């Protein structure tokens, strides 16, 4: 089993801020989650839980 990756509070805040700022540019919130999560280096589900 893989060891869970820990993200700093700054990375989490940045990811959530990016989601709120840019979600209007995507056809759905899930599409925005997937795109931004891939840029941050986490999964879309992880980012969804942070929000």
PDB file of N, CA and C in Angstrom:
ATOM      1  N   UNK A   1       0.841  -1.182   0.000  1.00  0.00           N
ATOM      2  CA  UNK A   1       0.000   0.000   0.000  1.00  0.00           C
ATOM      3  C   UNK A   1       0.887   1.247   0.000  1.00  0.00           C
ATOM      4  N   UNK A   2       0.512   2.222  -0.813  1.00  0.00           N
ATOM      5  CA  UNK A   2       1.295   3.447  -0.907  1.00  0.00           C
ATOM      6  C   UNK A   2       1.135   4.322   0.325  1.00  0.00           C
ATOM      7  N   UNK A   3       2.188   5.043   0.631  1.00  0.00           N
ATOM      8  CA  UNK A   3       2.131   6.009   1.729  1.00  0.00           C
ATOM      9  C   UNK A   3       1.376   7.246   1.234  1.00  0.00           C
ATOM     10  N   UNK A   4       0.417   7.752   2.008  1.00  0.00           N
ATOM     11  CA  UNK A   4      -0.331   8.938   1.569  1.00  0.00           C
ATOM     12  C   UNK A   4       0.583  10.155   1.401  1.00  0.00           C
ATOM     13  N   UNK A   5       0.298  10.940   0.399  1.00  0.00           N
ATOM     14  CA  UNK A   5       1.065  12.159   0.154  1.00  0.00           C
ATOM     15  C   UNK A   5       0.467  13.271   1.001  1.00  0.00           C
ATOM     16  N   UNK A   6       1.314  14.041   1.654  1.00  0.00           N
ATOM     17  CA  UNK A   6       0.844  15.163   2.459  1.00  0.00           C
ATOM     18  C   UNK A   6       1.117  16.449   1.692  1.00  0.00           C
ATOM     19  N   UNK A   7       0.121  17.300   1.628  1.00  0.00           N
ATOM     20  CA  UNK A   7       0.244  18.578   0.942  1.00  0.00           C
ATOM     21  C   UNK A   7       0.256  19.682   1.986  1.00  0.00           C
ATOM     22  N   UNK A   8       1.086  20.678   1.760  1.00  0.00           N
ATOM     23  CA  UNK A   8       1.173  21.784   2.715  1.00  0.00           C
ATOM     24  C   UNK A   8      -0.115  22.610   2.662  1.00  0.00           C
ATOM     25  N   UNK A   9      -0.407  23.322   3.734  1.00  0.00           N
ATOM     26  CA  UNK A   9      -1.600  24.179   3.730  1.00  0.00           C
ATOM     27  C   UNK A   9      -1.570  25.205   2.600  1.00  0.00           C
ATOM     28  N   UNK A  10      -0.383  25.665   2.239  1.00  0.00           N
ATOM     29  CA  UNK A  10      -0.268  26.651   1.154  1.00  0.00           C
ATOM     30  C   UNK A  10      -0.699  26.050  -0.179  1.00  0.00           C
ATOM     31  N   UNK A  11      -0.309  24.814  -0.430  1.00  0.00           N
ATOM     32  CA  UNK A  11      -0.690  24.138  -1.683  1.00  0.00           C
ATOM     33  C   UNK A  11      -2.197  23.926  -1.712  1.00  0.00           C
ATOM     34  N   UNK A  12      -2.760  23.515  -0.594  1.00  0.00           N
ATOM     35  CA  UNK A  12      -4.207  23.306  -0.521  1.00  0.00           C
ATOM     36  C   UNK A  12      -4.953  24.611  -0.775  1.00  0.00           C
ATOM     37  N   UNK A  13      -4.520  25.686  -0.124  1.00  0.00           N
ATOM     38  CA  UNK A  13      -5.178  26.987  -0.310  1.00  0.00           C
ATOM     39  C   UNK A  13      -5.085  27.451  -1.758  1.00  0.00           C
ATOM     40  N   UNK A  14      -3.929  27.268  -2.365  1.00  0.00           N
ATOM     41  CA  UNK A  14      -3.741  27.678  -3.759  1.00  0.00           C
ATOM     42  C   UNK A  14      -4.659  26.889  -4.689  1.00  0.00           C
ATOM     43  N   UNK A  15      -4.744  25.595  -4.473  1.00  0.00           N
ATOM     44  CA  UNK A  15      -5.590  24.751  -5.317  1.00  0.00           C
ATOM     45  C   UNK A  15      -7.059  25.140  -5.205  1.00  0.00           C
ATOM     46  N   UNK A  16      -7.527  25.368  -3.993  1.00  0.00           N
ATOM     47  CA  UNK A  16      -8.929  25.749  -3.789  1.00  0.00           C
ATOM     48  C   UNK A  16      -9.188  27.119  -4.404  1.00  0.00           C
ATOM     49  N   UNK A  17      -8.249  28.042  -4.234  1.00  0.00           N
ATOM     50  CA  UNK A  17      -8.404  29.379  -4.810  1.00  0.00           C
ATOM     51  C   UNK A  17      -8.465  29.305  -6.338  1.00  0.00           C
ATOM     52  N   UNK A  18      -7.574  28.507  -6.931  1.00  0.00           N
ATOM     53  CA  UNK A  18      -7.599  28.335  -8.392  1.00  0.00           C
ATOM     54  C   UNK A  18      -8.934  27.771  -8.856  1.00  0.00           C
ATOM     55  N   UNK A  19      -9.466  26.813  -8.115  1.00  0.00           N
ATOM     56  CA  UNK A  19     -10.751  26.228  -8.493  1.00  0.00           C
ATOM     57  C   UNK A  19     -11.848  27.287  -8.506  1.00  0.00           C
ATOM     58  N   UNK A  20     -11.938  28.075  -7.437  1.00  0.00           N
ATOM     59  CA  UNK A  20     -12.982  29.097  -7.365  1.00  0.00           C
ATOM     60  C   UNK A  20     -12.801  30.178  -8.431  1.00  0.00           C
ATOM     61  N   UNK A  21     -11.563  30.538  -8.724  1.00  0.00           N
ATOM     62  CA  UNK A  21     -11.306  31.592  -9.712  1.00  0.00           C
ATOM     63  C   UNK A  21     -11.583  31.136 -11.138  1.00  0.00           C
ATOM     64  N   UNK A  22     -11.391  29.850 -11.426  1.00  0.00           N
ATOM     65  CA  UNK A  22     -11.443  29.399 -12.823  1.00  0.00           C
ATOM     66  C   UNK A  22     -12.552  28.406 -13.144  1.00  0.00           C
ATOM     67  N   UNK A  23     -13.399  28.050 -12.180  1.00  0.00           N
ATOM     68  CA  UNK A  23     -14.401  27.030 -12.473  1.00  0.00           C
ATOM     69  C   UNK A  23     -15.406  27.478 -13.531  1.00  0.00           C
ATOM     70  N   UNK A  24     -15.602  28.774 -13.721  1.00  0.00           N
ATOM     71  CA  UNK A  24     -16.500  29.268 -14.752  1.00  0.00           C
ATOM     72  C   UNK A  24     -15.996  29.016 -16.167  1.00  0.00           C
ATOM     73  N   UNK A  25     -14.716  28.701 -16.290  1.00  0.00           N
ATOM     74  CA  UNK A  25     -14.111  28.441 -17.599  1.00  0.00           C
ATOM     75  C   UNK A  25     -14.321  26.999 -18.063  1.00  0.00           C
ATOM     76  N   UNK A  26     -14.915  26.174 -17.215  1.00  0.00           N
ATOM     77  CA  UNK A  26     -15.118  24.761 -17.520  1.00  0.00           C
ATOM     78  C   UNK A  26     -16.606  24.450 -17.616  1.00  0.00           C
ATOM     79  N   UNK A  27     -16.933  23.372 -18.295  1.00  0.00           N
ATOM     80  CA  UNK A  27     -18.350  23.038 -18.490  1.00  0.00           C
ATOM     81  C   UNK A  27     -18.996  22.468 -17.231  1.00  0.00           C
ATOM     82  N   UNK A  28     -18.192  21.985 -16.296  1.00  0.00           N
ATOM     83  CA  UNK A  28     -18.730  21.486 -15.030  1.00  0.00           C
ATOM     84  C   UNK A  28     -17.681  21.677 -13.936  1.00  0.00           C
ATOM     85  N   UNK A  29     -18.136  21.572 -12.687  1.00  0.00           N
ATOM     86  CA  UNK A  29     -17.185  21.696 -11.586  1.00  0.00           C
ATOM     87  C   UNK A  29     -16.212  20.521 -11.597  1.00  0.00           C
ATOM     88  N   UNK A  30     -16.697  19.340 -11.964  1.00  0.00           N
ATOM     89  CA  UNK A  30     -15.807  18.172 -12.002  1.00  0.00           C
ATOM     90  C   UNK A  30     -14.703  18.359 -13.038  1.00  0.00           C
ATOM     91  N   UNK A  31     -15.024  18.935 -14.188  1.00  0.00           N
ATOM     92  CA  UNK A  31     -14.006  19.190 -15.208  1.00  0.00           C
ATOM     93  C   UNK A  31     -12.955  20.152 -14.666  1.00  0.00           C
ATOM     94  N   UNK A  32     -13.390  21.159 -13.929  1.00  0.00           N
ATOM     95  CA  UNK A  32     -12.450  22.100 -13.319  1.00  0.00           C
ATOM     96  C   UNK A  32     -11.597  21.384 -12.271  1.00  0.00           C
ATOM     97  N   UNK A  33     -12.219  20.547 -11.457  1.00  0.00           N
ATOM     98  CA  UNK A  33     -11.478  19.790 -10.444  1.00  0.00           C
ATOM     99  C   UNK A  33     -10.389  18.933 -11.078  1.00  0.00           C
ATOM    100  N   UNK A  34     -10.740  18.220 -12.139  1.00  0.00           N
ATOM    101  CA  UNK A  34      -9.771  17.345 -12.795  1.00  0.00           C
ATOM    102  C   UNK A  34      -8.602  18.130 -13.384  1.00  0.00           C
ATOM    103  N   UNK A  35      -8.904  19.242 -14.021  1.00  0.00           N
ATOM    104  CA  UNK A  35      -7.864  20.040 -14.653  1.00  0.00           C
ATOM    105  C   UNK A  35      -6.916  20.655 -13.625  1.00  0.00           C
ATOM    106  N   UNK A  36      -7.466  21.260 -12.624  1.00  0.00           N
ATOM    107  CA  UNK A  36      -6.641  21.938 -11.622  1.00  0.00           C
ATOM    108  C   UNK A  36      -5.876  20.925 -10.766  1.00  0.00           C
ATOM    109  N   UNK A  37      -6.519  19.821 -10.431  1.00  0.00           N
ATOM    110  CA  UNK A  37      -5.845  18.785  -9.647  1.00  0.00           C
ATOM    111  C   UNK A  37      -4.620  18.244 -10.377  1.00  0.00           C
ATOM    112  N   UNK A  38      -4.740  18.073 -11.684  1.00  0.00           N
ATOM    113  CA  UNK A  38      -3.596  17.556 -12.439  1.00  0.00           C
ATOM    114  C   UNK A  38      -2.434  18.546 -12.436  1.00  0.00           C
ATOM    115  N   UNK A  39      -2.738  19.822 -12.384  1.00  0.00           N
ATOM    116  CA  UNK A  39      -1.682  20.844 -12.338  1.00  0.00           C
ATOM    117  C   UNK A  39      -1.017  20.899 -10.962  1.00  0.00           C
ATOM    118  N   UNK A  40      -1.795  20.633  -9.919  1.00  0.00           N
ATOM    119  CA  UNK A  40      -1.275  20.669  -8.551  1.00  0.00           C
ATOM    120  C   UNK A  40      -0.527  19.381  -8.222  1.00  0.00           C
ATOM    121  N   UNK A  41      -0.969  18.270  -8.823  1.00  0.00           N
ATOM    122  CA  UNK A  41      -0.329  16.990  -8.560  1.00  0.00           C
ATOM    123  C   UNK A  41      -1.094  16.123  -7.582  1.00  0.00           C
ATOM    124  N   UNK A  42      -2.394  16.368  -7.474  1.00  0.00           N
ATOM    125  CA  UNK A  42      -3.244  15.541  -6.617  1.00  0.00           C
ATOM    126  C   UNK A  42      -4.370  14.986  -7.475  1.00  0.00           C
ATOM    127  N   UNK A  43      -5.250  14.210  -6.857  1.00  0.00           N
ATOM    128  CA  UNK A  43      -6.393  13.686  -7.601  1.00  0.00           C
ATOM    129  C   UNK A  43      -7.557  14.669  -7.497  1.00  0.00           C
ATOM    130  N   UNK A  44      -8.487  14.547  -8.423  1.00  0.00           N
ATOM    131  CA  UNK A  44      -9.671  15.407  -8.405  1.00  0.00           C
ATOM    132  C   UNK A  44     -10.483  15.184  -7.134  1.00  0.00           C
ATOM    133  N   UNK A  45     -10.547  13.947  -6.677  1.00  0.00           N
ATOM    134  CA  UNK A  45     -11.295  13.638  -5.453  1.00  0.00           C
ATOM    135  C   UNK A  45     -10.650  14.296  -4.231  1.00  0.00           C
ATOM    136  N   UNK A  46      -9.331  14.313  -4.184  1.00  0.00           N
ATOM    137  CA  UNK A  46      -8.644  14.981  -3.078  1.00  0.00           C
ATOM    138  C   UNK A  46      -8.981  16.468  -3.068  1.00  0.00           C
ATOM    139  N   UNK A  47      -8.904  17.097  -4.227  1.00  0.00           N
ATOM    140  CA  UNK A  47      -9.239  18.522  -4.320  1.00  0.00           C
ATOM    141  C   UNK A  47     -10.697  18.770  -3.952  1.00  0.00           C
ATOM    142  N   UNK A  48     -11.583  17.882  -4.372  1.00  0.00           N
ATOM    143  CA  UNK A  48     -12.995  18.027  -4.020  1.00  0.00           C
ATOM    144  C   UNK A  48     -13.194  18.008  -2.500  1.00  0.00           C
ATOM    145  N   UNK A  49     -12.472  17.131  -1.828  1.00  0.00           N
ATOM    146  CA  UNK A  49     -12.584  17.059  -0.365  1.00  0.00           C
ATOM    147  C   UNK A  49     -12.045  18.325   0.296  1.00  0.00           C
ATOM    148  N   UNK A  50     -11.002  18.930  -0.264  1.00  0.00           N
ATOM    149  CA  UNK A  50     -10.473  20.179   0.292  1.00  0.00           C
ATOM    150  C   UNK A  50     -11.482  21.304   0.178  1.00  0.00           C
ATOM    151  N   UNK A  51     -12.247  21.304  -0.900  1.00  0.00           N
ATOM    152  CA  UNK A  51     -13.244  22.363  -1.113  1.00  0.00           C
ATOM    153  C   UNK A  51     -14.373  22.180  -0.131  1.00  0.00           C
TER     154      UNK A  51
END
